[in-house]
Amino acid sequence: MSTHAPRFATETVTDRLVESNRAYAAGFTDPGMDARPVLRVAVVACMDARIDLHAALGLELGDCHTIRNAGGVVTDDTIRSLTISQRALGTRSVVLIHHTGCGLQTLTEDFRHELELEVGQRPAWAVEAFRDVDQDVRQSMQRVRTSPFLPHTDDVRGFVFDVATGLLRETAPRPDAVRNHSEV
């Protein structure tokens, strides 16, 4: 639970964040880094607030590109970001991190239908809900490995982060997916 509630009734969370940024900027020194990640890795992960990716992976500022979305699923926009990361900014490895207790495991594609009924417009995106987190990691690995836009798909690994223990558990791709990939 966050203890950073607004101090005044008229102060918003965004006001607090902007004030925190002022304090941060007061002591900020330009690290002189390049936009290219030092470790040449892109990490795709769920946006879940319980996951501190840099701490969990021992990463420092400038080590990686971080792409986060609901579920950490590989969508067209994720492929877009990975393509820019690889082709323009030199990354070579992709790490996919989903997690236990993901909110997408409690939704279905009915969420889109309900939203359409409420607002009168069908969302252009899929919910990408899932039941089996390991199977969803496998699907994400396969989407990365088979994208024609990504030139570097040899080092793509997927994991499940346990929100109760902080440990990563690797998810192996389907054997036929690895074999088919190597034949490409």
Protein backbone atom coordinates (compact mmCIF):
# COMPACT_ATOMS: atom_id res chain seq x y z
CA MET A 1 0.00 0.00 0.00
CA SER A 2 1.34 3.41 -0.95
CA THR A 3 1.74 5.94 1.82
CA HIS A 4 2.03 8.81 -0.63
CA ALA A 5 -1.53 10.14 -0.48
CA PRO A 6 -2.10 13.74 -1.55
CA ARG A 7 -1.42 16.17 1.30
CA PHE A 8 -4.35 18.45 0.58
CA ALA A 9 -7.88 17.77 -0.63
CA THR A 10 -7.22 19.73 -3.83
CA GLU A 11 -3.85 18.04 -4.53
CA THR A 12 -4.01 15.24 -7.06
CA VAL A 13 -1.73 12.24 -7.37
CA THR A 14 -0.29 13.86 -10.50
CA ASP A 15 0.48 17.02 -8.49
CA ARG A 16 2.41 14.85 -6.02
CA LEU A 17 4.33 13.18 -8.84
CA VAL A 18 5.26 16.53 -10.37
CA GLU A 19 6.45 17.77 -6.98
CA SER A 20 8.51 14.61 -6.51
CA ASN A 21 10.04 15.22 -9.93
CA ARG A 22 11.11 18.71 -8.88
CA ALA A 23 12.94 17.22 -5.89
CA TYR A 24 14.51 14.58 -8.14
CA ALA A 25 15.58 17.15 -10.74
CA ALA A 26 17.19 19.35 -8.07
CA GLY A 27 19.84 16.66 -7.52
CA PHE A 28 19.86 15.29 -11.07
CA THR A 29 23.09 15.07 -13.02
CA ASP A 30 22.99 14.10 -16.68
CA PRO A 31 24.57 10.62 -16.77
CA GLY A 32 25.67 11.22 -20.36
CA MET A 33 24.22 7.93 -21.51
CA ASP A 34 23.37 6.90 -25.03
CA ALA A 35 19.81 5.76 -25.80
CA ARG A 36 21.21 2.33 -26.70
CA PRO A 37 20.84 -0.12 -23.80
CA VAL A 38 24.20 -1.19 -22.38
CA LEU A 39 23.16 -4.86 -22.10
CA ARG A 40 21.50 -4.85 -25.55
CA VAL A 41 18.33 -6.39 -24.09
CA ALA A 42 14.66 -5.47 -24.23
CA VAL A 43 12.40 -6.65 -21.40
CA VAL A 44 8.68 -7.03 -22.06
CA ALA A 45 6.69 -7.30 -18.84
CA CYS A 46 3.29 -6.80 -17.30
CA MET A 47 2.47 -3.34 -15.99
CA ASP A 48 1.55 -4.79 -12.58
CA ALA A 49 2.64 -2.34 -9.87
CA ARG A 50 3.97 -5.18 -7.69
CA ILE A 51 6.86 -5.86 -10.07
CA ASP A 52 9.96 -3.69 -9.68
CA LEU A 53 11.73 -4.94 -12.79
CA HIS A 54 15.03 -3.18 -12.31
CA ALA A 55 15.38 -4.43 -8.74
CA ALA A 56 14.13 -7.95 -9.57
CA LEU A 57 16.62 -8.32 -12.44
CA GLY A 58 19.55 -6.41 -10.94
CA LEU A 59 19.38 -3.77 -13.66
CA GLU A 60 20.76 -0.25 -13.56
CA LEU A 61 19.65 2.84 -15.43
CA GLY A 62 20.64 2.45 -19.07
CA ASP A 63 20.91 -1.36 -19.04
CA CYS A 64 17.76 -2.25 -20.99
CA HIS A 65 14.67 -1.14 -22.81
CA THR A 66 11.54 -1.82 -20.81
CA ILE A 67 8.21 -2.36 -22.54
CA ARG A 68 5.23 -2.82 -20.24
CA ASN A 69 1.55 -3.44 -20.86
CA ALA A 70 -1.37 -5.31 -19.33
CA GLY A 71 -0.28 -8.94 -19.10
CA GLY A 72 3.09 -8.34 -20.73
CA VAL A 73 1.58 -9.78 -23.89
CA VAL A 74 3.24 -9.36 -27.25
CA THR A 75 0.84 -7.19 -29.22
CA ASP A 76 1.39 -5.30 -32.48
CA ASP A 77 2.52 -2.29 -30.44
CA THR A 78 5.00 -4.46 -28.53
CA ILE A 79 6.41 -5.70 -31.85
CA ARG A 80 6.63 -2.05 -32.96
CA SER A 81 8.67 -1.15 -29.87
CA LEU A 82 10.88 -4.23 -30.17
CA THR A 83 11.50 -3.50 -33.84
CA ILE A 84 12.67 0.03 -33.03
CA SER A 85 14.70 -1.33 -30.11
CA GLN A 86 16.49 -3.86 -32.30
CA ARG A 87 16.80 -2.10 -35.64
CA ALA A 88 17.49 1.45 -34.45
CA LEU A 89 18.97 1.00 -30.98
CA GLY A 90 20.96 -2.21 -31.09
CA THR A 91 19.22 -4.67 -28.78
CA ARG A 92 19.76 -8.36 -29.50
CA SER A 93 18.01 -10.23 -26.66
CA VAL A 94 14.36 -10.27 -25.59
CA VAL A 95 13.20 -11.27 -22.11
CA LEU A 96 9.46 -11.78 -21.56
CA ILE A 97 8.10 -11.62 -18.02
CA HIS A 98 4.54 -12.51 -17.08
CA HIS A 99 3.55 -13.16 -13.45
CA THR A 100 1.41 -15.10 -11.03
CA GLY A 101 -1.92 -13.61 -10.05
CA CYS A 102 -2.26 -11.52 -13.21
CA GLY A 103 -5.47 -9.55 -13.61
CA LEU A 104 -5.81 -10.76 -17.21
CA GLN A 105 -6.47 -14.23 -15.83
CA THR A 106 -9.73 -12.90 -14.37
CA LEU A 107 -11.00 -11.28 -17.58
CA THR A 108 -12.39 -12.60 -20.84
CA GLU A 109 -12.90 -11.04 -24.25
CA ASP A 110 -16.42 -10.21 -22.95
CA PHE A 111 -14.69 -7.18 -21.40
CA ARG A 112 -14.50 -5.66 -24.92
CA HIS A 113 -18.18 -6.37 -25.55
CA GLU A 114 -19.19 -4.80 -22.23
CA LEU A 115 -17.03 -1.78 -22.98
CA GLU A 116 -18.61 -1.42 -26.41
CA LEU A 117 -22.09 -1.51 -24.87
CA GLU A 118 -21.07 1.13 -22.32
CA VAL A 119 -19.34 3.63 -24.59
CA GLY A 120 -20.89 2.84 -27.97
CA GLN A 121 -17.65 1.99 -29.73
CA ARG A 122 -15.82 -1.33 -30.09
CA PRO A 123 -12.18 -1.18 -28.95
CA ALA A 124 -9.71 -1.84 -31.78
CA TRP A 125 -7.57 -3.91 -29.41
CA ALA A 126 -8.03 -7.39 -27.96
CA VAL A 127 -8.04 -7.93 -24.21
CA GLU A 128 -5.54 -10.80 -24.59
CA ALA A 129 -7.00 -12.51 -21.51
CA PHE A 130 -5.61 -15.92 -20.64
CA ARG A 131 -6.02 -18.75 -18.12
CA ASP A 132 -2.62 -20.49 -18.28
CA VAL A 133 0.26 -18.09 -17.65
CA ASP A 134 2.91 -20.48 -19.02
CA GLN A 135 0.97 -20.99 -22.25
CA ASP A 136 0.62 -17.22 -22.59
CA VAL A 137 4.39 -16.82 -22.16
CA ARG A 138 4.88 -19.47 -24.89
CA GLN A 139 2.50 -17.60 -27.18
CA SER A 140 4.40 -14.36 -26.57
CA MET A 141 7.74 -16.06 -27.30
CA GLN A 142 6.32 -17.46 -30.53
CA ARG A 143 5.01 -14.04 -31.60
CA VAL A 144 8.48 -12.54 -31.10
CA ARG A 145 10.28 -15.43 -32.80
CA THR A 146 8.06 -15.37 -35.87
CA SER A 147 7.84 -11.61 -36.42
CA PRO A 148 9.25 -10.69 -39.82
CA PHE A 149 10.25 -7.27 -38.44
CA LEU A 150 12.65 -8.56 -35.79
CA PRO A 151 16.10 -9.54 -37.07
CA HIS A 152 17.30 -10.92 -33.72
CA THR A 153 15.11 -13.77 -32.46
CA ASP A 154 17.68 -16.34 -31.35
CA ASP A 155 17.83 -15.12 -27.73
CA VAL A 156 14.16 -14.90 -26.72
CA ARG A 157 13.33 -16.30 -23.31
CA GLY A 158 10.16 -16.23 -21.24
CA PHE A 159 9.60 -16.27 -17.50
CA VAL A 160 6.88 -16.16 -14.87
CA PHE A 161 7.57 -13.85 -11.93
CA ASP A 162 6.11 -15.12 -8.65
CA VAL A 163 4.62 -12.07 -6.90
CA ALA A 164 4.74 -13.87 -3.53
CA THR A 165 8.43 -14.91 -3.63
CA GLY A 166 10.01 -12.55 -6.16
CA LEU A 167 11.53 -15.49 -8.06
CA LEU A 168 11.52 -16.01 -11.80
CA ARG A 169 10.59 -19.39 -13.25
CA GLU A 170 11.58 -20.00 -16.86
CA THR A 171 8.95 -21.22 -19.28
CA ALA A 172 10.30 -23.50 -21.97
CA PRO A 173 8.95 -23.00 -25.47
CA ARG A 174 7.07 -25.85 -27.10
CA PRO A 175 9.67 -28.22 -28.61
CA ASP A 176 8.11 -27.91 -32.07
CA ALA A 177 8.29 -24.08 -31.82
CA VAL A 178 12.04 -24.22 -31.16
CA ARG A 179 12.62 -26.71 -33.99
CA ASN A 180 10.54 -24.70 -36.45
CA HIS A 181 12.34 -21.51 -35.45
CA SER A 182 15.77 -23.01 -36.00
CA GLU A 183 14.75 -24.17 -39.48
CA VAL A 184 13.86 -20.61 -40.52
